[in-house]
Amino acid sequence: MLFDPSLLSVRSLDPDASVPATDLAAGQTLESRFMNAVANLSAGFEADRAGIAAAASRFDPSNPESGMDLQNRLAVYGIDVGMASSLARKSVAAVEALLR
């Protein structure tokens, strides 16, 4: 993996970047936004799991490309689930800290 030295400089950031004033989730509570995000993540994970299961059922051991693709999909799925789990724990910890 090559490192891009331009990432070291703050000047490489876009000085004209802006945040849109209108938010698609305007009017929703933080709880409902969080629950929608979790529901979307869950649906995405279920679709990924079903796709991986389908790929595993048609896995051809004589084709190394098929094995590499399955291994890559499993690795990405594991990383994504781990990240979602970590974010959920951190969100719960933040809410607990606010409620104290």
PDB file of N, CA and C in Angstrom:
ATOM      1  N   MET A   1       0.849  -1.169   0.000  1.00  0.00           N
ATOM      2  CA  MET A   1       0.000   0.000   0.000  1.00  0.00           C
ATOM      3  C   MET A   1       0.895   1.233   0.000  1.00  0.00           C
ATOM      4  N   LEU A   2       0.655   2.126  -0.906  1.00  0.00           N
ATOM      5  CA  LEU A   2       1.429   3.357  -1.000  1.00  0.00           C
ATOM      6  C   LEU A   2       0.777   4.453  -0.178  1.00  0.00           C
ATOM      7  N   PHE A   3       1.614   5.287   0.415  1.00  0.00           N
ATOM      8  CA  PHE A   3       1.120   6.386   1.230  1.00  0.00           C
ATOM      9  C   PHE A   3       1.131   7.661   0.405  1.00  0.00           C
ATOM     10  N   ASP A   4       0.044   8.399   0.453  1.00  0.00           N
ATOM     11  CA  ASP A   4      -0.066   9.658  -0.272  1.00  0.00           C
ATOM     12  C   ASP A   4       0.395  10.789   0.642  1.00  0.00           C
ATOM     13  N   PRO A   5       1.570  11.403   0.382  1.00  0.00           N
ATOM     14  CA  PRO A   5       2.073  12.455   1.262  1.00  0.00           C
ATOM     15  C   PRO A   5       1.202  13.702   1.281  1.00  0.00           C
ATOM     16  N   SER A   6       0.346  13.873   0.301  1.00  0.00           N
ATOM     17  CA  SER A   6      -0.512  15.059   0.298  1.00  0.00           C
ATOM     18  C   SER A   6      -1.535  15.015   1.432  1.00  0.00           C
ATOM     19  N   LEU A   7      -1.732  13.830   2.012  1.00  0.00           N
ATOM     20  CA  LEU A   7      -2.687  13.713   3.109  1.00  0.00           C
ATOM     21  C   LEU A   7      -2.151  14.295   4.407  1.00  0.00           C
ATOM     22  N   LEU A   8      -0.846  14.563   4.469  1.00  0.00           N
ATOM     23  CA  LEU A   8      -0.251  15.109   5.680  1.00  0.00           C
ATOM     24  C   LEU A   8      -0.582  16.580   5.883  1.00  0.00           C
ATOM     25  N   SER A   9      -0.911  17.268   4.825  1.00  0.00           N
ATOM     26  CA  SER A   9      -1.113  18.705   4.900  1.00  0.00           C
ATOM     27  C   SER A   9      -2.582  19.053   5.080  1.00  0.00           C
ATOM     28  N   VAL A  10      -2.836  19.970   5.988  1.00  0.00           N
ATOM     29  CA  VAL A  10      -4.201  20.457   6.172  1.00  0.00           C
ATOM     30  C   VAL A  10      -4.623  21.250   4.946  1.00  0.00           C
ATOM     31  N   ARG A  11      -3.660  21.790   4.248  1.00  0.00           N
ATOM     32  CA  ARG A  11      -3.970  22.576   3.047  1.00  0.00           C
ATOM     33  C   ARG A  11      -4.565  21.722   1.936  1.00  0.00           C
ATOM     34  N   SER A  12      -4.378  20.387   2.032  1.00  0.00           N
ATOM     35  CA  SER A  12      -4.933  19.525   0.993  1.00  0.00           C
ATOM     36  C   SER A  12      -6.448  19.396   1.115  1.00  0.00           C
ATOM     37  N   LEU A  13      -7.007  19.825   2.249  1.00  0.00           N
ATOM     38  CA  LEU A  13      -8.452  19.787   2.428  1.00  0.00           C
ATOM     39  C   LEU A  13      -9.110  20.871   1.588  1.00  0.00           C
ATOM     40  N   ASP A  14     -10.323  20.639   1.208  1.00  0.00           N
ATOM     41  CA  ASP A  14     -11.055  21.595   0.383  1.00  0.00           C
ATOM     42  C   ASP A  14     -11.485  22.781   1.243  1.00  0.00           C
ATOM     43  N   PRO A  15     -10.937  23.976   0.991  1.00  0.00           N
ATOM     44  CA  PRO A  15     -11.300  25.130   1.811  1.00  0.00           C
ATOM     45  C   PRO A  15     -12.724  25.613   1.555  1.00  0.00           C
ATOM     46  N   ASP A  16     -13.311  25.202   0.446  1.00  0.00           N
ATOM     47  CA  ASP A  16     -14.658  25.648   0.101  1.00  0.00           C
ATOM     48  C   ASP A  16     -15.729  24.626   0.468  1.00  0.00           C
ATOM     49  N   ALA A  17     -15.335  23.585   1.197  1.00  0.00           N
ATOM     50  CA  ALA A  17     -16.307  22.559   1.571  1.00  0.00           C
ATOM     51  C   ALA A  17     -17.351  23.160   2.507  1.00  0.00           C
ATOM     52  N   SER A  18     -18.582  22.735   2.335  1.00  0.00           N
ATOM     53  CA  SER A  18     -19.649  23.265   3.183  1.00  0.00           C
ATOM     54  C   SER A  18     -20.582  22.138   3.591  1.00  0.00           C
ATOM     55  N   VAL A  19     -21.322  22.394   4.626  1.00  0.00           N
ATOM     56  CA  VAL A  19     -22.332  21.450   5.090  1.00  0.00           C
ATOM     57  C   VAL A  19     -23.676  21.988   4.636  1.00  0.00           C
ATOM     58  N   PRO A  20     -24.487  21.169   3.959  1.00  0.00           N
ATOM     59  CA  PRO A  20     -25.780  21.667   3.503  1.00  0.00           C
ATOM     60  C   PRO A  20     -26.664  22.075   4.677  1.00  0.00           C
ATOM     61  N   ALA A  21     -27.392  23.156   4.492  1.00  0.00           N
ATOM     62  CA  ALA A  21     -28.244  23.684   5.558  1.00  0.00           C
ATOM     63  C   ALA A  21     -29.479  22.821   5.763  1.00  0.00           C
ATOM     64  N   THR A  22     -29.930  22.152   4.726  1.00  0.00           N
ATOM     65  CA  THR A  22     -31.116  21.320   4.865  1.00  0.00           C
ATOM     66  C   THR A  22     -30.690  19.894   5.143  1.00  0.00           C
ATOM     67  N   ASP A  23     -31.294  19.321   6.148  1.00  0.00           N
ATOM     68  CA  ASP A  23     -30.996  17.953   6.540  1.00  0.00           C
ATOM     69  C   ASP A  23     -32.220  17.108   6.231  1.00  0.00           C
ATOM     70  N   LEU A  24     -32.007  15.962   5.580  1.00  0.00           N
ATOM     71  CA  LEU A  24     -33.131  15.104   5.237  1.00  0.00           C
ATOM     72  C   LEU A  24     -33.828  14.554   6.475  1.00  0.00           C
ATOM     73  N   ALA A  25     -33.104  14.514   7.597  1.00  0.00           N
ATOM     74  CA  ALA A  25     -33.680  13.969   8.825  1.00  0.00           C
ATOM     75  C   ALA A  25     -34.218  15.066   9.738  1.00  0.00           C
ATOM     76  N   ALA A  26     -34.388  16.272   9.216  1.00  0.00           N
ATOM     77  CA  ALA A  26     -34.881  17.380  10.037  1.00  0.00           C
ATOM     78  C   ALA A  26     -36.269  17.045  10.561  1.00  0.00           C
ATOM     79  N   GLY A  27     -36.492  17.347  11.812  1.00  0.00           N
ATOM     80  CA  GLY A  27     -37.779  17.075  12.422  1.00  0.00           C
ATOM     81  C   GLY A  27     -37.850  15.731  13.115  1.00  0.00           C
ATOM     82  N   GLN A  28     -36.853  14.877  12.910  1.00  0.00           N
ATOM     83  CA  GLN A  28     -36.825  13.588  13.583  1.00  0.00           C
ATOM     84  C   GLN A  28     -36.035  13.711  14.876  1.00  0.00           C
ATOM     85  N   THR A  29     -36.395  12.902  15.840  1.00  0.00           N
ATOM     86  CA  THR A  29     -35.639  12.900  17.087  1.00  0.00           C
ATOM     87  C   THR A  29     -34.340  12.140  16.877  1.00  0.00           C
ATOM     88  N   LEU A  30     -33.404  12.367  17.764  1.00  0.00           N
ATOM     89  CA  LEU A  30     -32.129  11.665  17.696  1.00  0.00           C
ATOM     90  C   LEU A  30     -32.346  10.159  17.820  1.00  0.00           C
ATOM     91  N   GLU A  31     -33.274   9.778  18.684  1.00  0.00           N
ATOM     92  CA  GLU A  31     -33.566   8.354  18.875  1.00  0.00           C
ATOM     93  C   GLU A  31     -34.100   7.721  17.594  1.00  0.00           C
ATOM     94  N   SER A  32     -35.031   8.393  16.914  1.00  0.00           N
ATOM     95  CA  SER A  32     -35.595   7.822  15.691  1.00  0.00           C
ATOM     96  C   SER A  32     -34.555   7.775  14.575  1.00  0.00           C
ATOM     97  N   ARG A  33     -33.689   8.772  14.513  1.00  0.00           N
ATOM     98  CA  ARG A  33     -32.617   8.751  13.510  1.00  0.00           C
ATOM     99  C   ARG A  33     -31.667   7.596  13.770  1.00  0.00           C
ATOM    100  N   PHE A  34     -31.324   7.378  15.052  1.00  0.00           N
ATOM    101  CA  PHE A  34     -30.435   6.280  15.409  1.00  0.00           C
ATOM    102  C   PHE A  34     -31.084   4.937  15.089  1.00  0.00           C
ATOM    103  N   MET A  35     -32.359   4.787  15.430  1.00  0.00           N
ATOM    104  CA  MET A  35     -33.056   3.526  15.171  1.00  0.00           C
ATOM    105  C   MET A  35     -33.174   3.256  13.669  1.00  0.00           C
ATOM    106  N   ASN A  36     -33.406   4.299  12.874  1.00  0.00           N
ATOM    107  CA  ASN A  36     -33.450   4.130  11.420  1.00  0.00           C
ATOM    108  C   ASN A  36     -32.094   3.698  10.881  1.00  0.00           C
ATOM    109  N   ALA A  37     -31.036   4.308  11.395  1.00  0.00           N
ATOM    110  CA  ALA A  37     -29.689   3.941  10.949  1.00  0.00           C
ATOM    111  C   ALA A  37     -29.373   2.496  11.313  1.00  0.00           C
ATOM    112  N   VAL A  38     -29.743   2.078  12.512  1.00  0.00           N
ATOM    113  CA  VAL A  38     -29.504   0.695  12.938  1.00  0.00           C
ATOM    114  C   VAL A  38     -30.323  -0.272  12.090  1.00  0.00           C
ATOM    115  N   ALA A  39     -31.562   0.078  11.800  1.00  0.00           N
ATOM    116  CA  ALA A  39     -32.404  -0.782  10.966  1.00  0.00           C
ATOM    117  C   ALA A  39     -31.824  -0.917   9.563  1.00  0.00           C
ATOM    118  N   ASN A  40     -31.331   0.191   9.004  1.00  0.00           N
ATOM    119  CA  ASN A  40     -30.720   0.133   7.675  1.00  0.00           C
ATOM    120  C   ASN A  40     -29.454  -0.707   7.684  1.00  0.00           C
ATOM    121  N   LEU A  41     -28.636  -0.556   8.731  1.00  0.00           N
ATOM    122  CA  LEU A  41     -27.429  -1.378   8.854  1.00  0.00           C
ATOM    123  C   LEU A  41     -27.792  -2.851   8.950  1.00  0.00           C
ATOM    124  N   SER A  42     -28.790  -3.161   9.756  1.00  0.00           N
ATOM    125  CA  SER A  42     -29.208  -4.547   9.937  1.00  0.00           C
ATOM    126  C   SER A  42     -29.687  -5.154   8.617  1.00  0.00           C
ATOM    127  N   ALA A  43     -30.466  -4.405   7.875  1.00  0.00           N
ATOM    128  CA  ALA A  43     -30.953  -4.890   6.579  1.00  0.00           C
ATOM    129  C   ALA A  43     -29.791  -5.099   5.613  1.00  0.00           C
ATOM    130  N   GLY A  44     -28.840  -4.185   5.628  1.00  0.00           N
ATOM    131  CA  GLY A  44     -27.669  -4.331   4.766  1.00  0.00           C
ATOM    132  C   GLY A  44     -26.834  -5.542   5.135  1.00  0.00           C
ATOM    133  N   PHE A  45     -26.657  -5.768   6.446  1.00  0.00           N
ATOM    134  CA  PHE A  45     -25.892  -6.933   6.890  1.00  0.00           C
ATOM    135  C   PHE A  45     -26.593  -8.235   6.513  1.00  0.00           C
ATOM    136  N   GLU A  46     -27.906  -8.248   6.617  1.00  0.00           N
ATOM    137  CA  GLU A  46     -28.654  -9.450   6.253  1.00  0.00           C
ATOM    138  C   GLU A  46     -28.527  -9.730   4.754  1.00  0.00           C
ATOM    139  N   ALA A  47     -28.577  -8.685   3.942  1.00  0.00           N
ATOM    140  CA  ALA A  47     -28.406  -8.861   2.497  1.00  0.00           C
ATOM    141  C   ALA A  47     -26.995  -9.358   2.184  1.00  0.00           C
ATOM    142  N   ASP A  48     -25.993  -8.800   2.859  1.00  0.00           N
ATOM    143  CA  ASP A  48     -24.614  -9.254   2.660  1.00  0.00           C
ATOM    144  C   ASP A  48     -24.454 -10.707   3.083  1.00  0.00           C
ATOM    145  N   ARG A  49     -25.050 -11.070   4.234  1.00  0.00           N
ATOM    146  CA  ARG A  49     -24.952 -12.443   4.722  1.00  0.00           C
ATOM    147  C   ARG A  49     -25.588 -13.416   3.732  1.00  0.00           C
ATOM    148  N   ALA A  50     -26.739 -13.042   3.191  1.00  0.00           N
ATOM    149  CA  ALA A  50     -27.410 -13.899   2.214  1.00  0.00           C
ATOM    150  C   ALA A  50     -26.570 -14.036   0.946  1.00  0.00           C
ATOM    151  N   GLY A  51     -25.941 -12.944   0.521  1.00  0.00           N
ATOM    152  CA  GLY A  51     -25.076 -13.001  -0.656  1.00  0.00           C
ATOM    153  C   GLY A  51     -23.852 -13.872  -0.435  1.00  0.00           C
ATOM    154  N   ILE A  52     -23.282 -13.798   0.757  1.00  0.00           N
ATOM    155  CA  ILE A  52     -22.116 -14.627   1.079  1.00  0.00           C
ATOM    156  C   ILE A  52     -22.525 -16.094   1.153  1.00  0.00           C
ATOM    157  N   ALA A  53     -23.681 -16.373   1.743  1.00  0.00           N
ATOM    158  CA  ALA A  53     -24.167 -17.755   1.817  1.00  0.00           C
ATOM    159  C   ALA A  53     -24.409 -18.316   0.417  1.00  0.00           C
ATOM    160  N   ALA A  54     -24.957 -17.499  -0.465  1.00  0.00           N
ATOM    161  CA  ALA A  54     -25.183 -17.943  -1.847  1.00  0.00           C
ATOM    162  C   ALA A  54     -23.855 -18.186  -2.557  1.00  0.00           C
ATOM    163  N   ALA A  55     -22.877 -17.304  -2.333  1.00  0.00           N
ATOM    164  CA  ALA A  55     -21.563 -17.482  -2.955  1.00  0.00           C
ATOM    165  C   ALA A  55     -20.871 -18.723  -2.410  1.00  0.00           C
ATOM    166  N   ALA A  56     -21.058 -19.011  -1.124  1.00  0.00           N
ATOM    167  CA  ALA A  56     -20.447 -20.202  -0.529  1.00  0.00           C
ATOM    168  C   ALA A  56     -21.081 -21.475  -1.080  1.00  0.00           C
ATOM    169  N   SER A  57     -22.372 -21.421  -1.384  1.00  0.00           N
ATOM    170  CA  SER A  57     -23.040 -22.616  -1.904  1.00  0.00           C
ATOM    171  C   SER A  57     -22.614 -22.927  -3.337  1.00  0.00           C
ATOM    172  N   ARG A  58     -22.190 -21.920  -4.075  1.00  0.00           N
ATOM    173  CA  ARG A  58     -21.742 -22.168  -5.448  1.00  0.00           C
ATOM    174  C   ARG A  58     -20.217 -22.060  -5.573  1.00  0.00           C
ATOM    175  N   PHE A  59     -19.528 -22.183  -4.455  1.00  0.00           N
ATOM    176  CA  PHE A  59     -18.068 -22.100  -4.416  1.00  0.00           C
ATOM    177  C   PHE A  59     -17.449 -23.252  -5.209  1.00  0.00           C
ATOM    178  N   ASP A  60     -16.500 -22.923  -6.069  1.00  0.00           N
ATOM    179  CA  ASP A  60     -15.794 -23.913  -6.881  1.00  0.00           C
ATOM    180  C   ASP A  60     -14.366 -24.038  -6.352  1.00  0.00           C
ATOM    181  N   PRO A  61     -14.035 -25.152  -5.668  1.00  0.00           N
ATOM    182  CA  PRO A  61     -12.696 -25.278  -5.087  1.00  0.00           C
ATOM    183  C   PRO A  61     -11.577 -25.332  -6.126  1.00  0.00           C
ATOM    184  N   SER A  62     -11.914 -25.625  -7.371  1.00  0.00           N
ATOM    185  CA  SER A  62     -10.875 -25.680  -8.401  1.00  0.00           C
ATOM    186  C   SER A  62     -10.560 -24.302  -8.983  1.00  0.00           C
ATOM    187  N   ASN A  63     -11.351 -23.293  -8.606  1.00  0.00           N
ATOM    188  CA  ASN A  63     -11.147 -21.945  -9.126  1.00  0.00           C
ATOM    189  C   ASN A  63     -10.633 -21.045  -7.999  1.00  0.00           C
ATOM    190  N   PRO A  64      -9.340 -20.686  -8.017  1.00  0.00           N
ATOM    191  CA  PRO A  64      -8.798 -19.856  -6.936  1.00  0.00           C
ATOM    192  C   PRO A  64      -9.435 -18.466  -6.868  1.00  0.00           C
ATOM    193  N   GLU A  65      -9.873 -17.944  -7.990  1.00  0.00           N
ATOM    194  CA  GLU A  65     -10.507 -16.623  -7.997  1.00  0.00           C
ATOM    195  C   GLU A  65     -11.804 -16.646  -7.188  1.00  0.00           C
ATOM    196  N   SER A  66     -12.543 -17.735  -7.302  1.00  0.00           N
ATOM    197  CA  SER A  66     -13.781 -17.883  -6.539  1.00  0.00           C
ATOM    198  C   SER A  66     -13.490 -17.912  -5.040  1.00  0.00           C
ATOM    199  N   GLY A  67     -12.432 -18.616  -4.656  1.00  0.00           N
ATOM    200  CA  GLY A  67     -12.049 -18.673  -3.248  1.00  0.00           C
ATOM    201  C   GLY A  67     -11.596 -17.332  -2.715  1.00  0.00           C
ATOM    202  N   MET A  68     -10.836 -16.609  -3.516  1.00  0.00           N
ATOM    203  CA  MET A  68     -10.365 -15.288  -3.089  1.00  0.00           C
ATOM    204  C   MET A  68     -11.529 -14.315  -2.952  1.00  0.00           C
ATOM    205  N   ASP A  69     -12.476 -14.393  -3.869  1.00  0.00           N
ATOM    206  CA  ASP A  69     -13.647 -13.516  -3.800  1.00  0.00           C
ATOM    207  C   ASP A  69     -14.461 -13.800  -2.539  1.00  0.00           C
ATOM    208  N   LEU A  70     -14.668 -15.079  -2.245  1.00  0.00           N
ATOM    209  CA  LEU A  70     -15.421 -15.447  -1.051  1.00  0.00           C
ATOM    210  C   LEU A  70     -14.683 -15.010   0.213  1.00  0.00           C
ATOM    211  N   GLN A  71     -13.372 -15.221   0.238  1.00  0.00           N
ATOM    212  CA  GLN A  71     -12.578 -14.816   1.394  1.00  0.00           C
ATOM    213  C   GLN A  71     -12.629 -13.298   1.585  1.00  0.00           C
ATOM    214  N   ASN A  72     -12.543 -12.547   0.496  1.00  0.00           N
ATOM    215  CA  ASN A  72     -12.599 -11.088   0.569  1.00  0.00           C
ATOM    216  C   ASN A  72     -13.961 -10.619   1.084  1.00  0.00           C
ATOM    217  N   ARG A  73     -15.029 -11.212   0.576  1.00  0.00           N
ATOM    218  CA  ARG A  73     -16.369 -10.824   1.022  1.00  0.00           C
ATOM    219  C   ARG A  73     -16.575 -11.126   2.504  1.00  0.00           C
ATOM    220  N   LEU A  74     -16.061 -12.279   2.957  1.00  0.00           N
ATOM    221  CA  LEU A  74     -16.168 -12.625   4.377  1.00  0.00           C
ATOM    222  C   LEU A  74     -15.379 -11.655   5.243  1.00  0.00           C
ATOM    223  N   ALA A  75     -14.193 -11.267   4.778  1.00  0.00           N
ATOM    224  CA  ALA A  75     -13.366 -10.335   5.545  1.00  0.00           C
ATOM    225  C   ALA A  75     -14.036  -8.969   5.656  1.00  0.00           C
ATOM    226  N   VAL A  76     -14.546  -8.460   4.559  1.00  0.00           N
ATOM    227  CA  VAL A  76     -15.215  -7.155   4.567  1.00  0.00           C
ATOM    228  C   VAL A  76     -16.459  -7.209   5.453  1.00  0.00           C
ATOM    229  N   TYR A  77     -17.199  -8.305   5.364  1.00  0.00           N
ATOM    230  CA  TYR A  77     -18.394  -8.466   6.201  1.00  0.00           C
ATOM    231  C   TYR A  77     -18.014  -8.460   7.679  1.00  0.00           C
ATOM    232  N   GLY A  78     -16.974  -9.195   8.029  1.00  0.00           N
ATOM    233  CA  GLY A  78     -16.528  -9.241   9.423  1.00  0.00           C
ATOM    234  C   GLY A  78     -16.088  -7.883   9.934  1.00  0.00           C
ATOM    235  N   ILE A  79     -15.367  -7.148   9.113  1.00  0.00           N
ATOM    236  CA  ILE A  79     -14.920  -5.805   9.504  1.00  0.00           C
ATOM    237  C   ILE A  79     -16.117  -4.875   9.678  1.00  0.00           C
ATOM    238  N   ASP A  80     -17.061  -4.935   8.753  1.00  0.00           N
ATOM    239  CA  ASP A  80     -18.248  -4.074   8.838  1.00  0.00           C
ATOM    240  C   ASP A  80     -19.079  -4.372  10.087  1.00  0.00           C
ATOM    241  N   VAL A  81     -19.271  -5.653  10.383  1.00  0.00           N
ATOM    242  CA  VAL A  81     -20.051  -6.023  11.569  1.00  0.00           C
ATOM    243  C   VAL A  81     -19.314  -5.591  12.833  1.00  0.00           C
ATOM    244  N   GLY A  82     -17.999  -5.778  12.856  1.00  0.00           N
ATOM    245  CA  GLY A  82     -17.214  -5.343  14.009  1.00  0.00           C
ATOM    246  C   GLY A  82     -17.289  -3.838  14.212  1.00  0.00           C
ATOM    247  N   MET A  83     -17.237  -3.081  13.127  1.00  0.00           N
ATOM    248  CA  MET A  83     -17.324  -1.621  13.221  1.00  0.00           C
ATOM    249  C   MET A  83     -18.701  -1.190  13.721  1.00  0.00           C
ATOM    250  N   ALA A  84     -19.749  -1.820  13.209  1.00  0.00           N
ATOM    251  CA  ALA A  84     -21.099  -1.481  13.667  1.00  0.00           C
ATOM    252  C   ALA A  84     -21.265  -1.816  15.143  1.00  0.00           C
ATOM    253  N   SER A  85     -20.708  -2.933  15.562  1.00  0.00           N
ATOM    254  CA  SER A  85     -20.779  -3.313  16.972  1.00  0.00           C
ATOM    255  C   SER A  85     -20.051  -2.303  17.846  1.00  0.00           C
ATOM    256  N   SER A  86     -18.888  -1.887  17.401  1.00  0.00           N
ATOM    257  CA  SER A  86     -18.115  -0.896  18.155  1.00  0.00           C
ATOM    258  C   SER A  86     -18.854   0.439  18.231  1.00  0.00           C
ATOM    259  N   LEU A  87     -19.430   0.869  17.118  1.00  0.00           N
ATOM    260  CA  LEU A  87     -20.185   2.125  17.112  1.00  0.00           C
ATOM    261  C   LEU A  87     -21.414   2.046  18.014  1.00  0.00           C
ATOM    262  N   ALA A  88     -22.061   0.897  18.040  1.00  0.00           N
ATOM    263  CA  ALA A  88     -23.230   0.736  18.912  1.00  0.00           C
ATOM    264  C   ALA A  88     -22.818   0.820  20.374  1.00  0.00           C
ATOM    265  N   ARG A  89     -21.718   0.157  20.731  1.00  0.00           N
ATOM    266  CA  ARG A  89     -21.248   0.224  22.121  1.00  0.00           C
ATOM    267  C   ARG A  89     -20.887   1.649  22.499  1.00  0.00           C
ATOM    268  N   LYS A  90     -20.210   2.356  21.593  1.00  0.00           N
ATOM    269  CA  LYS A  90     -19.815   3.736  21.881  1.00  0.00           C
ATOM    270  C   LYS A  90     -21.040   4.643  21.992  1.00  0.00           C
ATOM    271  N   SER A  91     -22.047   4.409  21.168  1.00  0.00           N
ATOM    272  CA  SER A  91     -23.276   5.208  21.243  1.00  0.00           C
ATOM    273  C   SER A  91     -23.982   4.987  22.571  1.00  0.00           C
ATOM    274  N   VAL A  92     -24.061   3.747  22.991  1.00  0.00           N
ATOM    275  CA  VAL A  92     -24.699   3.439  24.272  1.00  0.00           C
ATOM    276  C   VAL A  92     -23.914   4.078  25.412  1.00  0.00           C
ATOM    277  N   ALA A  93     -22.588   3.993  25.348  1.00  0.00           N
ATOM    278  CA  ALA A  93     -21.763   4.602  26.395  1.00  0.00           C
ATOM    279  C   ALA A  93     -21.951   6.116  26.433  1.00  0.00           C
ATOM    280  N   ALA A  94     -22.067   6.746  25.267  1.00  0.00           N
ATOM    281  CA  ALA A  94     -22.267   8.199  25.219  1.00  0.00           C
ATOM    282  C   ALA A  94     -23.617   8.581  25.822  1.00  0.00           C
ATOM    283  N   VAL A  95     -24.655   7.829  25.499  1.00  0.00           N
ATOM    284  CA  VAL A  95     -25.981   8.113  26.050  1.00  0.00           C
ATOM    285  C   VAL A  95     -25.984   7.899  27.556  1.00  0.00           C
ATOM    286  N   GLU A  96     -25.347   6.826  28.010  1.00  0.00           N
ATOM    287  CA  GLU A  96     -25.272   6.585  29.458  1.00  0.00           C
ATOM    288  C   GLU A  96     -24.534   7.713  30.165  1.00  0.00           C
ATOM    289  N   ALA A  97     -23.468   8.211  29.540  1.00  0.00           N
ATOM    290  CA  ALA A  97     -22.716   9.315  30.140  1.00  0.00           C
ATOM    291  C   ALA A  97     -23.565  10.581  30.201  1.00  0.00           C
ATOM    292  N   LEU A  98     -24.376  10.821  29.189  1.00  0.00           N
ATOM    293  CA  LEU A  98     -25.238  12.001  29.184  1.00  0.00           C
ATOM    294  C   LEU A  98     -26.356  11.903  30.216  1.00  0.00           C
ATOM    295  N   LEU A  99     -26.796  10.695  30.492  1.00  0.00           N
ATOM    296  CA  LEU A  99     -27.897  10.506  31.433  1.00  0.00           C
ATOM    297  C   LEU A  99     -27.452  10.553  32.891  1.00  0.00           C
ATOM    298  N   ARG A 100     -26.160  10.520  33.139  1.00  0.00           N
ATOM    299  CA  ARG A 100     -25.666  10.566  34.533  1.00  0.00           C
ATOM    300  C   ARG A 100     -25.786  11.924  35.120  1.00  0.00           C
TER     301      ARG A 100
END
